[in-house]
Protein backbone atom coordinates (compact mmCIF):
# COMPACT_ATOMS: atom_id res chain seq x y z
CA UNK A 1 -81.95 75.48 45.11
CA UNK A 2 -79.73 71.86 44.55
CA UNK A 3 -82.13 70.21 44.94
CA UNK A 4 -84.61 71.93 42.07
CA UNK A 5 -81.56 71.92 40.17
CA UNK A 6 -81.19 67.86 40.57
CA UNK A 7 -85.18 67.60 39.74
CA UNK A 8 -85.10 69.97 36.79
CA UNK A 9 -82.10 68.38 35.40
CA UNK A 10 -83.62 65.14 35.50
CA UNK A 11 -86.50 65.33 34.89
CA UNK A 12 -86.12 68.12 31.44
CA UNK A 13 -82.86 66.27 30.05
CA UNK A 14 -82.62 62.68 31.67
CA UNK A 15 -78.91 63.25 33.03
CA UNK A 16 -77.67 62.86 36.69
CA UNK A 17 -76.38 65.99 37.98
CA UNK A 18 -73.77 66.03 40.62
CA UNK A 19 -73.51 69.11 42.74
CA UNK A 20 -71.42 70.50 45.32
CA UNK A 21 -72.16 73.95 46.72
CA UNK A 22 -72.26 76.59 43.96
CA UNK A 23 -71.43 74.47 41.20
CA UNK A 24 -73.32 72.47 38.92
CA UNK A 25 -71.74 69.87 36.74
CA UNK A 26 -73.96 67.32 34.67
CA UNK A 27 -72.28 63.36 34.54
CA UNK A 28 -73.53 61.70 31.61
CA UNK A 29 -72.78 58.92 28.71
CA UNK A 30 -75.88 60.36 26.61
CA UNK A 31 -74.67 62.56 23.57
CA UNK A 32 -75.82 65.98 22.98
CA UNK A 33 -76.80 67.68 20.18
CA UNK A 34 -75.84 71.28 19.89
CA UNK A 35 -79.41 72.51 19.94
CA UNK A 36 -79.42 70.68 23.35
CA UNK A 37 -76.53 71.40 24.54
CA UNK A 38 -77.54 75.38 24.54
CA UNK A 39 -81.14 74.86 26.20
CA UNK A 40 -78.98 72.76 29.26
CA UNK A 41 -76.78 75.64 29.42
CA UNK A 42 -79.69 78.41 29.04
CA UNK A 43 -81.71 75.81 32.02
CA UNK A 44 -78.34 76.08 34.30
CA UNK A 45 -77.97 79.75 33.66
CA UNK A 46 -82.15 79.92 34.80
CA UNK A 47 -81.14 77.82 37.78
CA UNK A 48 -78.19 80.64 38.85
CA UNK A 49 -80.72 83.26 38.36
CA UNK A 50 -83.00 81.27 40.75
CA UNK A 51 -80.18 80.26 43.50
CA UNK A 52 -78.47 83.93 43.40
CA UNK A 53 -79.63 84.86 46.82
CA UNK A 54 -78.57 88.28 46.76
CA UNK A 55 -78.46 90.77 43.72
CA UNK A 56 -75.42 91.43 42.36
CA UNK A 57 -73.63 88.17 42.17
CA UNK A 58 -70.55 87.30 40.54
CA UNK A 59 -70.68 84.69 38.03
CA UNK A 60 -67.75 83.43 35.65
CA UNK A 61 -68.50 81.85 32.49
CA UNK A 62 -65.78 79.97 31.05
CA UNK A 63 -65.87 79.94 27.15
CA UNK A 64 -67.52 82.98 26.87
CA UNK A 65 -65.94 83.76 23.70
CA UNK A 66 -67.42 80.68 21.70
CA UNK A 67 -71.10 80.81 20.51
CA UNK A 68 -72.95 78.72 23.52
CA UNK A 69 -70.91 80.92 25.82
CA UNK A 70 -71.68 84.30 24.82
CA UNK A 71 -74.72 82.99 24.16
CA UNK A 72 -75.10 82.64 28.19
CA UNK A 73 -73.11 85.91 28.94
CA UNK A 74 -75.48 87.79 27.11
CA UNK A 75 -78.53 86.03 28.82
CA UNK A 76 -76.90 86.97 32.16
CA UNK A 77 -75.88 90.66 31.61
CA UNK A 78 -79.42 91.44 29.93
CA UNK A 79 -82.04 89.31 31.80
CA UNK A 80 -81.18 88.87 35.56
CA UNK A 81 -79.60 90.85 38.29
CA UNK A 82 -76.28 89.04 38.15
CA UNK A 83 -72.53 89.89 37.07
CA UNK A 84 -71.08 88.28 34.49
CA UNK A 85 -67.92 87.60 33.96
CA UNK A 86 -66.16 86.23 30.76
CA UNK A 87 -63.20 83.62 30.26
CA UNK A 88 -61.92 83.91 27.05
CA UNK A 89 -58.43 82.28 25.78
CA UNK A 90 -57.53 83.44 22.81
CA UNK A 91 -57.56 87.79 21.36
CA UNK A 92 -59.92 86.62 18.91
CA UNK A 93 -62.60 84.96 21.81
CA UNK A 94 -61.99 88.87 23.79
CA UNK A 95 -63.24 90.85 20.29
CA UNK A 96 -66.22 88.69 20.30
CA UNK A 97 -66.83 89.25 23.33
CA UNK A 98 -66.71 92.32 23.31
CA UNK A 99 -68.42 92.64 20.53
CA UNK A 100 -71.76 90.91 22.24
CA UNK A 101 -71.46 93.98 24.49
CA UNK A 102 -68.96 93.05 27.36
CA UNK A 103 -66.64 95.80 29.35
CA UNK A 104 -62.79 95.46 29.69
CA UNK A 105 -64.08 94.99 33.50
CA UNK A 106 -65.84 91.79 32.40
CA UNK A 107 -63.27 90.16 30.41
CA UNK A 108 -60.70 87.58 32.45
CA UNK A 109 -57.97 86.19 29.80
CA UNK A 110 -56.56 82.78 30.73
CA UNK A 111 -56.58 78.80 29.35
CA UNK A 112 -58.56 76.29 31.04
CA UNK A 113 -55.77 74.04 31.15
CA UNK A 114 -53.84 76.50 33.05
CA UNK A 115 -55.12 76.16 36.96
CA UNK A 116 -53.50 79.03 38.56
CA UNK A 117 -55.04 81.20 36.22
CA UNK A 118 -58.54 79.60 36.85
CA UNK A 119 -58.37 79.84 40.41
CA UNK A 120 -57.53 83.20 40.20
CA UNK A 121 -60.45 84.35 37.55
CA UNK A 122 -62.89 82.25 39.82
CA UNK A 123 -61.59 84.29 43.20
CA UNK A 124 -64.32 86.26 44.52
CA UNK A 125 -67.26 84.45 42.18
CA UNK A 126 -70.26 83.23 43.42
CA UNK A 127 -70.80 80.25 40.82
CA UNK A 128 -69.39 78.97 37.71
CA UNK A 129 -70.41 78.30 33.93
CA UNK A 130 -68.53 76.22 31.89
CA UNK A 131 -68.82 76.14 28.55
CA UNK A 132 -65.81 75.33 26.70
CA UNK A 133 -65.65 73.07 24.65
CA UNK A 134 -62.53 71.89 21.49
CA UNK A 135 -63.31 72.80 18.26
CA UNK A 136 -62.49 71.16 14.87
CA UNK A 137 -61.25 72.60 12.24
CA UNK A 138 -61.59 70.27 9.41
CA UNK A 139 -58.55 69.54 7.07
CA UNK A 140 -59.12 70.91 3.42
CA UNK A 141 -57.26 68.26 1.18
CA UNK A 142 -59.40 65.53 3.40
CA UNK A 143 -62.27 67.24 2.06
CA UNK A 144 -61.44 67.56 -1.46
CA UNK A 145 -60.34 63.74 -1.43
CA UNK A 146 -63.42 62.51 -0.16
CA UNK A 147 -65.43 64.66 -2.37
CA UNK A 148 -63.21 63.73 -5.48
CA UNK A 149 -64.02 59.87 -4.61
CA UNK A 150 -67.73 60.63 -4.26
CA UNK A 151 -68.49 62.69 -7.05
CA UNK A 152 -65.52 61.70 -9.85
CA UNK A 153 -64.77 58.11 -9.18
CA UNK A 154 -68.67 57.70 -7.53
CA UNK A 155 -67.60 54.94 -4.42
CA UNK A 156 -69.96 54.06 -2.59
CA UNK A 157 -67.85 54.52 0.44
CA UNK A 158 -65.63 57.53 -0.23
CA UNK A 159 -64.57 57.78 3.31
CA UNK A 160 -64.66 60.55 5.63
CA UNK A 161 -62.57 63.81 6.08
CA UNK A 162 -60.60 64.36 8.63
CA UNK A 163 -60.05 66.93 11.47
CA UNK A 164 -57.71 68.77 13.67
CA UNK A 165 -58.07 70.83 17.05
CA UNK A 166 -55.28 73.47 16.71
CA UNK A 167 -56.13 74.64 20.25
CA UNK A 168 -56.10 71.81 22.13
CA UNK A 169 -58.03 68.04 21.53
CA UNK A 170 -61.09 67.07 23.73
CA UNK A 171 -59.13 65.32 25.82
CA UNK A 172 -57.17 68.36 26.67
CA UNK A 173 -59.97 70.78 26.90
CA UNK A 174 -63.49 68.31 27.31
CA UNK A 175 -62.31 66.27 29.99
CA UNK A 176 -58.75 67.76 31.77
CA UNK A 177 -59.48 71.34 30.82
CA UNK A 178 -63.61 70.66 32.62
CA UNK A 179 -61.89 68.75 35.03
CA UNK A 180 -59.47 71.96 36.31
CA UNK A 181 -62.27 74.36 36.17
CA UNK A 182 -64.27 72.19 38.61
CA UNK A 183 -61.03 71.58 40.87
CA UNK A 184 -60.28 75.16 40.44
CA UNK A 185 -64.23 76.35 41.32
CA UNK A 186 -63.39 74.08 44.78
CA UNK A 187 -60.46 76.10 45.73
CA UNK A 188 -61.59 79.38 44.83
């Protein structure tokens, strides 16, 4: 099934997947749109279903309280004989996951930057789907500044608004967090 996953990912996404038993992750320098990432995540869900040897396989979906993670969790729960577990960092994400149909037994609250919590969450899981991402928040006053320069002062280059990452920077979540998740999956 890993060879099939390699072929599909290379053919459909133009990326080179790196695989180890029960863990598929993508290594690429290509930039994907949100729609392409959702398609890739759903494709990986389909691959996990095809790779599941027994019904009732446990799959941990990290970032399950977010947009893509929630869709992946719902798809696994609804369409496949797979028991999904959703990993959520905040109470807001837990509530979003409950609203998406997850029971308390299917929700694990942990931070992707905490390796001990990740290893514990992944214990007994057959596969892991990583759907975590740092979420930017626009700095409101920088947006007003750009709008003022563009529409009042009529500057050709008004600049760009600034963003902050209140729950973790891309380096912390997208790089170090993903690395910790992969390492924890190998250990579990």
